[in-house]
N, C-alpha and C. Protein backbone atom coordinates (compact mmCIF):
# COMPACT_ATOMS: atom_id res chain seq x y z
N MET A 1 13.90 -13.23 26.16
CA MET A 1 12.58 -13.85 26.95
C MET A 1 11.89 -12.75 27.09
N LYS A 2 10.61 -12.76 27.05
CA LYS A 2 9.45 -11.54 26.78
C LYS A 2 8.40 -11.81 27.74
N PHE A 3 7.82 -13.09 28.30
CA PHE A 3 7.17 -13.02 29.12
C PHE A 3 5.75 -12.48 28.68
N SER A 4 5.65 -12.68 27.28
CA SER A 4 4.28 -12.21 26.54
C SER A 4 3.05 -12.67 27.35
N VAL A 5 3.09 -13.76 28.07
CA VAL A 5 1.77 -13.73 28.85
C VAL A 5 1.81 -13.06 30.40
N GLY A 6 2.62 -12.88 30.66
CA GLY A 6 2.55 -12.31 31.81
C GLY A 6 3.52 -13.04 33.03
N ILE A 7 3.63 -12.32 34.14
CA ILE A 7 4.31 -13.24 35.54
C ILE A 7 2.99 -12.76 36.25
N ALA A 8 2.65 -14.03 36.91
CA ALA A 8 1.82 -13.92 38.23
C ALA A 8 2.41 -14.54 39.38
N PRO A 9 2.21 -14.22 40.66
CA PRO A 9 2.82 -14.42 41.61
C PRO A 9 2.91 -16.00 41.79
N ASP A 10 1.97 -16.76 41.49
CA ASP A 10 2.09 -17.95 41.61
C ASP A 10 2.96 -18.78 40.21
N VAL A 11 3.96 -19.64 40.70
CA VAL A 11 4.88 -20.11 39.83
C VAL A 11 3.97 -20.82 38.54
N GLU A 12 3.16 -21.76 39.19
CA GLU A 12 2.52 -22.59 38.00
C GLU A 12 2.01 -21.78 37.08
N MET A 13 1.07 -20.75 37.64
CA MET A 13 0.45 -19.85 36.50
C MET A 13 1.39 -19.11 35.62
N THR A 14 2.87 -18.78 36.24
CA THR A 14 3.51 -18.08 35.40
C THR A 14 3.98 -18.80 34.32
N PHE A 15 4.54 -20.38 34.82
CA PHE A 15 5.30 -21.06 33.97
C PHE A 15 4.35 -22.34 33.25
N GLY A 16 3.53 -22.52 33.96
CA GLY A 16 2.64 -23.62 33.50
C GLY A 16 3.44 -25.12 33.92
N GLU A 17 3.70 -26.25 32.87
CA GLU A 17 4.64 -27.33 32.90
C GLU A 17 5.73 -26.69 32.39
N LEU A 18 7.02 -27.31 32.66
CA LEU A 18 8.15 -26.90 32.08
C LEU A 18 8.81 -27.94 31.62
N PHE A 19 9.37 -28.16 30.47
CA PHE A 19 10.09 -29.23 30.05
C PHE A 19 11.61 -28.91 29.49
N PHE A 20 12.27 -29.90 29.80
CA PHE A 20 13.78 -29.87 29.75
C PHE A 20 14.33 -29.79 28.23
N VAL A 21 14.98 -29.06 27.94
CA VAL A 21 15.35 -28.95 26.38
C VAL A 21 16.86 -28.92 26.42
N GLY A 22 17.82 -28.87 27.33
CA GLY A 22 19.22 -28.72 27.51
C GLY A 22 19.88 -28.00 28.01
N ILE A 23 21.31 -28.00 28.14
CA ILE A 23 21.74 -27.16 28.71
C ILE A 23 22.30 -26.03 27.64
N ASP A 24 22.51 -24.75 28.06
CA ASP A 24 22.62 -23.51 27.09
C ASP A 24 24.25 -23.25 27.17
N ARG A 25 24.65 -23.11 28.09
CA ARG A 25 26.10 -22.36 28.38
C ARG A 25 26.25 -22.54 30.08
N GLU A 26 27.54 -22.46 30.15
CA GLU A 26 28.30 -22.17 31.48
C GLU A 26 28.70 -20.87 31.68
N ARG A 27 28.43 -20.18 32.89
CA ARG A 27 29.04 -19.01 33.16
C ARG A 27 29.96 -18.82 34.04
N TYR A 28 30.92 -18.08 33.87
CA TYR A 28 32.11 -18.01 34.66
C TYR A 28 32.42 -16.72 35.10
N TYR A 29 32.93 -16.58 36.32
CA TYR A 29 33.25 -15.09 37.15
C TYR A 29 34.17 -14.47 36.22
N PHE A 30 33.98 -13.32 36.36
CA PHE A 30 34.88 -12.26 35.32
C PHE A 30 35.49 -11.25 36.45
N ASP A 31 36.52 -11.18 36.33
CA ASP A 31 37.86 -10.53 37.03
C ASP A 31 37.60 -9.18 36.82
N ARG A 32 37.09 -8.17 37.47
CA ARG A 32 36.71 -6.66 36.74
C ARG A 32 38.09 -6.04 36.80
N GLU A 33 38.85 -6.38 37.76
CA GLU A 33 40.32 -5.75 37.95
C GLU A 33 41.25 -6.09 37.02
N LYS A 34 41.38 -7.48 36.48
CA LYS A 34 42.25 -7.86 35.54
C LYS A 34 41.51 -7.65 34.14
N GLY A 35 39.93 -7.36 33.93
CA GLY A 35 39.18 -7.57 32.82
C GLY A 35 39.36 -8.70 32.12
N GLU A 36 39.37 -9.66 32.84
CA GLU A 36 39.35 -11.08 31.93
C GLU A 36 38.37 -12.25 32.63
N ARG A 37 37.99 -12.69 31.93
CA ARG A 37 36.92 -14.24 32.45
C ARG A 37 38.38 -15.19 33.45
N THR A 38 37.67 -15.49 34.44
CA THR A 38 38.43 -16.28 35.34
C THR A 38 38.07 -17.92 34.82
N ASP A 39 38.60 -19.27 35.58
CA ASP A 39 38.24 -20.40 34.97
C ASP A 39 37.15 -20.84 36.13
N LYS A 40 36.90 -20.13 37.09
CA LYS A 40 35.92 -20.43 38.25
C LYS A 40 34.50 -20.05 37.71
N LEU A 41 33.51 -21.57 37.64
CA LEU A 41 32.49 -21.68 37.37
C LEU A 41 31.57 -20.94 38.27
N GLU A 42 30.74 -20.07 37.52
CA GLU A 42 29.78 -19.13 38.61
C GLU A 42 28.59 -20.05 38.48
N ALA A 43 27.93 -20.30 37.34
CA ALA A 43 26.44 -20.90 37.17
C ALA A 43 26.24 -21.39 35.66
N ARG A 44 25.38 -22.39 35.65
CA ARG A 44 24.90 -23.29 34.42
C ARG A 44 23.62 -22.58 34.07
N VAL A 45 23.49 -22.08 32.59
CA VAL A 45 22.14 -21.65 31.90
C VAL A 45 21.80 -23.08 31.39
N TYR A 46 20.17 -23.10 31.28
CA TYR A 46 19.54 -24.58 31.07
C TYR A 46 18.29 -23.45 30.34
N ASN A 47 18.11 -24.30 28.97
CA ASN A 47 17.02 -23.99 28.66
C ASN A 47 15.76 -24.93 28.81
N LEU A 48 14.63 -24.24 28.90
CA LEU A 48 13.42 -25.06 29.46
C LEU A 48 12.17 -24.42 28.44
N SER A 49 11.46 -25.18 28.44
CA SER A 49 10.19 -24.38 27.29
C SER A 49 8.95 -24.48 28.52
N SER A 50 8.34 -23.43 28.36
CA SER A 50 7.24 -23.08 28.99
C SER A 50 5.84 -23.67 28.40
N SER A 51 4.92 -24.19 29.21
CA SER A 51 3.59 -24.41 28.28
C SER A 51 2.87 -23.18 28.52
N VAL A 52 2.91 -22.45 29.46
CA VAL A 52 2.24 -21.15 29.53
C VAL A 52 2.78 -19.90 28.74
N GLN A 53 4.03 -19.79 29.03
CA GLN A 53 4.80 -18.68 28.25
C GLN A 53 4.75 -18.92 26.34
N ARG A 54 4.82 -20.44 26.27
CA ARG A 54 5.07 -20.79 24.95
C ARG A 54 6.09 -20.11 24.06
N GLU A 55 7.25 -20.32 25.09
CA GLU A 55 8.72 -19.72 24.40
C GLU A 55 9.40 -20.51 25.10
N GLN A 56 10.78 -20.71 24.96
CA GLN A 56 12.12 -21.20 25.46
C GLN A 56 12.61 -20.27 26.51
N LEU A 57 12.65 -20.85 27.96
CA LEU A 57 13.12 -19.83 28.92
C LEU A 57 14.87 -20.45 29.17
N GLN A 58 15.51 -19.14 29.74
CA GLN A 58 16.76 -19.62 30.11
C GLN A 58 16.71 -19.40 31.63
N VAL A 59 17.31 -20.80 32.20
CA VAL A 59 17.12 -20.72 34.06
C VAL A 59 18.68 -20.89 34.35
N GLU A 60 18.90 -19.90 35.17
CA GLU A 60 20.15 -20.17 35.86
C GLU A 60 20.31 -20.90 37.00
N VAL A 61 21.20 -21.87 37.15
CA VAL A 61 21.12 -22.50 38.56
C VAL A 61 22.90 -22.24 38.68
N PRO A 62 23.05 -22.38 40.15
CA PRO A 62 24.31 -22.01 40.82
C PRO A 62 25.26 -23.25 40.26
N ALA A 63 26.30 -23.08 40.38
CA ALA A 63 27.62 -23.75 39.99
C ALA A 63 27.63 -25.11 40.87
N HIS A 64 27.47 -24.94 42.20
CA HIS A 64 27.57 -25.94 43.33
C HIS A 64 26.62 -27.14 43.13
N ILE A 65 25.29 -26.53 42.12
CA ILE A 65 24.72 -28.22 41.52
C ILE A 65 25.09 -29.18 40.75
N ASP A 66 24.93 -30.31 40.48
CA ASP A 66 25.70 -30.96 39.63
C ASP A 66 24.99 -30.60 38.14
N LEU A 67 25.65 -30.99 37.19
CA LEU A 67 24.99 -30.95 35.84
C LEU A 67 23.89 -31.83 35.62
N LYS A 68 22.99 -31.24 35.00
CA LYS A 68 21.85 -31.66 34.88
C LYS A 68 21.81 -32.21 33.22
N GLU A 69 21.41 -33.52 33.08
CA GLU A 69 21.36 -34.13 31.90
C GLU A 69 20.01 -35.25 31.92
N PHE A 70 18.86 -34.54 31.63
CA PHE A 70 17.73 -34.89 31.75
C PHE A 70 17.43 -35.91 30.37
N GLU A 71 16.55 -36.52 30.05
CA GLU A 71 15.92 -36.82 28.52
C GLU A 71 15.15 -35.36 27.84
N PHE A 72 15.79 -35.41 26.64
CA PHE A 72 14.87 -34.23 26.30
C PHE A 72 13.38 -34.12 26.36
N ASN A 73 12.73 -33.13 26.53
CA ASN A 73 11.20 -32.61 27.03
C ASN A 73 10.65 -33.72 27.99
N SER A 74 11.53 -33.91 28.83
CA SER A 74 11.22 -34.48 30.33
C SER A 74 10.67 -33.26 30.98
N LEU A 75 9.53 -33.70 32.03
CA LEU A 75 8.77 -32.79 32.53
C LEU A 75 9.88 -32.33 33.86
N VAL A 76 9.74 -30.94 34.18
CA VAL A 76 10.84 -30.80 35.18
C VAL A 76 10.28 -29.60 36.20
N TYR A 77 10.98 -29.35 37.13
CA TYR A 77 10.37 -28.51 38.31
C TYR A 77 11.71 -27.49 38.89
N LEU A 78 10.93 -26.10 38.98
CA LEU A 78 12.04 -25.29 39.73
C LEU A 78 12.06 -25.04 40.90
N LYS A 79 13.08 -25.39 41.88
CA LYS A 79 12.87 -25.26 43.31
C LYS A 79 13.39 -23.66 43.45
N ASN A 80 12.43 -23.32 44.13
CA ASN A 80 12.69 -21.76 44.58
C ASN A 80 13.42 -20.58 43.57
N PRO A 81 12.27 -20.72 42.44
CA PRO A 81 12.56 -19.83 41.53
C PRO A 81 12.50 -18.32 41.55
N ARG A 82 13.20 -17.45 40.89
CA ARG A 82 13.18 -16.21 41.25
C ARG A 82 13.13 -15.28 39.80
N ILE A 83 12.59 -14.45 39.73
CA ILE A 83 12.46 -13.83 38.45
C ILE A 83 13.00 -11.85 38.78
N SER A 84 13.90 -11.62 37.98
CA SER A 84 14.31 -10.38 37.95
C SER A 84 14.55 -9.60 36.47
N ALA A 85 14.60 -8.19 36.69
CA ALA A 85 14.77 -7.60 35.65
C ALA A 85 15.68 -6.23 35.48
N ARG A 86 16.30 -6.25 34.51
CA ARG A 86 17.11 -4.96 34.40
C ARG A 86 16.88 -4.21 33.24
N ALA A 87 17.33 -2.86 33.36
CA ALA A 87 16.92 -1.96 32.08
C ALA A 87 18.09 -1.99 31.31
N GLN A 88 18.35 -2.10 29.95
CA GLN A 88 19.57 -1.57 29.41
C GLN A 88 19.41 -0.73 28.29
N ALA A 89 20.03 0.54 28.66
CA ALA A 89 19.85 1.76 27.84
C ALA A 89 20.44 1.24 26.36
N ASN A 90 19.16 1.70 25.42
CA ASN A 90 19.47 1.81 23.64
C ASN A 90 19.17 3.06 23.27
N GLY A 91 20.12 4.16 23.51
CA GLY A 91 19.83 5.48 22.95
C GLY A 91 18.91 6.06 23.64
N THR A 92 17.49 6.46 23.17
CA THR A 92 16.53 7.09 24.16
C THR A 92 15.51 5.97 24.34
N PHE A 93 15.88 4.85 24.09
CA PHE A 93 15.29 3.73 24.53
C PHE A 93 15.58 2.94 25.75
N ALA A 94 14.98 1.94 26.01
CA ALA A 94 15.71 1.08 26.80
C ALA A 94 15.05 -0.38 26.82
N ASN A 95 15.55 -1.51 26.92
CA ASN A 95 14.97 -2.48 26.62
C ASN A 95 15.50 -3.36 27.94
N VAL A 96 14.24 -4.37 28.56
CA VAL A 96 14.21 -4.85 29.88
C VAL A 96 14.76 -6.45 29.62
N ILE A 97 15.64 -6.82 30.60
CA ILE A 97 16.33 -8.13 30.51
C ILE A 97 15.93 -8.82 31.37
N TRP A 98 15.22 -9.95 31.15
CA TRP A 98 14.76 -10.71 32.31
C TRP A 98 15.92 -12.16 32.96
N LYS A 99 15.54 -12.04 33.71
CA LYS A 99 16.49 -13.32 34.38
C LYS A 99 15.83 -14.11 35.21
N ILE A 100 16.13 -15.76 34.96
CA ILE A 100 15.21 -16.44 35.70
C ILE A 100 16.37 -17.23 36.70
N GLU A 101 16.29 -17.39 38.02
CA GLU A 101 17.42 -17.95 38.86
C GLU A 101 16.63 -19.25 39.38
N ALA A 102 17.29 -20.36 39.80
CA ALA A 102 16.56 -21.11 40.78
C ALA A 102 17.46 -22.05 41.59
N ASP A 103 17.24 -22.25 42.68
CA ASP A 103 18.17 -23.20 43.48
C ASP A 103 18.61 -24.67 42.54
N ASP A 104 17.61 -25.25 41.97
CA ASP A 104 17.84 -26.18 41.35
C ASP A 104 16.64 -26.56 40.54
N ILE A 105 17.17 -27.82 39.47
CA ILE A 105 15.95 -28.12 38.43
C ILE A 105 15.71 -29.49 38.95
N ILE A 106 15.01 -30.19 39.07
CA ILE A 106 14.36 -31.34 39.60
C ILE A 106 13.44 -32.16 38.37
N GLU A 107 13.90 -33.07 38.00
CA GLU A 107 12.85 -34.00 37.29
C GLU A 107 11.77 -34.75 37.82
N GLU A 108 10.56 -34.71 37.27
CA GLU A 108 9.58 -35.18 37.71
C GLU A 108 9.51 -36.86 38.21
N GLY A 109 9.32 -37.23 39.45
CA GLY A 109 9.34 -38.76 40.06
C GLY A 109 10.98 -38.65 40.76
N LYS A 110 11.90 -37.47 40.84
CA LYS A 110 12.73 -37.56 41.57
C LYS A 110 12.73 -36.44 42.32
N GLY A 111 12.19 -36.66 43.47
CA GLY A 111 11.94 -35.60 44.34
C GLY A 111 10.75 -34.84 44.23
N PHE A 112 10.19 -34.59 43.40
CA PHE A 112 8.46 -34.10 43.11
C PHE A 112 7.52 -34.91 42.23
N THR A 113 6.51 -34.79 42.62
CA THR A 113 5.41 -35.22 41.95
C THR A 113 4.44 -34.27 41.58
N LYS A 114 3.72 -34.16 40.35
CA LYS A 114 2.62 -32.98 39.82
C LYS A 114 1.58 -32.79 40.97
N LYS A 115 1.30 -32.14 41.27
CA LYS A 115 0.15 -31.71 42.39
C LYS A 115 -1.23 -32.25 41.71
N PRO A 116 -1.80 -33.27 42.32
CA PRO A 116 -3.23 -33.30 41.78
C PRO A 116 -3.81 -32.01 41.32
N ASP A 117 -4.78 -32.46 40.21
CA ASP A 117 -5.38 -31.24 40.14
C ASP A 117 -6.75 -31.50 40.79
N THR A 118 -7.14 -29.99 41.59
CA THR A 118 -7.97 -29.64 42.53
C THR A 118 -9.16 -28.84 41.66
N VAL A 119 -10.31 -29.40 42.14
CA VAL A 119 -11.77 -28.76 41.85
C VAL A 119 -11.47 -27.35 42.43
N LYS A 120 -11.74 -26.27 41.73
CA LYS A 120 -12.32 -25.00 42.92
C LYS A 120 -13.40 -24.95 42.61
N GLU A 121 -14.36 -24.44 43.93
CA GLU A 121 -15.47 -24.18 43.91
C GLU A 121 -15.84 -22.90 43.83
N THR A 122 -17.04 -22.61 43.07
CA THR A 122 -17.16 -20.97 42.85
C THR A 122 -17.69 -20.50 44.41
N ALA A 123 -17.68 -19.25 44.21
CA ALA A 123 -18.24 -18.48 45.37
C ALA A 123 -19.77 -19.16 46.07
N LEU A 124 -20.61 -18.96 44.78
CA LEU A 124 -21.76 -19.80 45.28
C LEU A 124 -22.11 -20.98 45.55
N ALA A 125 -20.87 -21.76 45.35
CA ALA A 125 -21.34 -23.27 45.31
C ALA A 125 -21.49 -23.75 46.74
N GLY A 126 -22.50 -24.66 47.21
CA GLY A 126 -22.90 -25.07 48.29
C GLY A 126 -23.51 -24.00 49.01
N SER A 127 -24.49 -23.10 48.52
CA SER A 127 -25.38 -22.20 48.92
C SER A 127 -26.53 -22.37 48.25
N ASP A 128 -26.97 -23.54 49.01
CA ASP A 128 -28.60 -24.01 48.80
C ASP A 128 -29.42 -23.62 49.75
N LYS A 129 -29.14 -22.45 50.39
CA LYS A 129 -30.19 -21.96 51.37
C LYS A 129 -30.92 -21.22 50.78
N LYS A 130 -32.56 -21.21 51.27
CA LYS A 130 -33.54 -20.29 50.69
C LYS A 130 -34.08 -19.66 51.49
């Protein structure tokens, strides 16, 4: 992920409409003492398509949330999304690795509906004073 359009404080401005693509992978806990992966599920990673970023995003949802199996390209909403970044050294350069986490992914009509479009008035609107 590159966030080529940027990240805004508003979730809708950052992602726009999100469409469900499918599950990417399941992530399991890694036991650092033994140096091996455990069988305990930590999170599921889903692929979503963003209308603003114009690319596929990977969103991580905790394991205690049920597996999401929506229709391909159905409109979805992220519950409490968080974006974090970390740098990974690459010789004399560093790459930024973005991570999107959410408490849940909810399909439109199943607990949320799209907000009605509101008309924003300009700063001079309604100033008919002479």
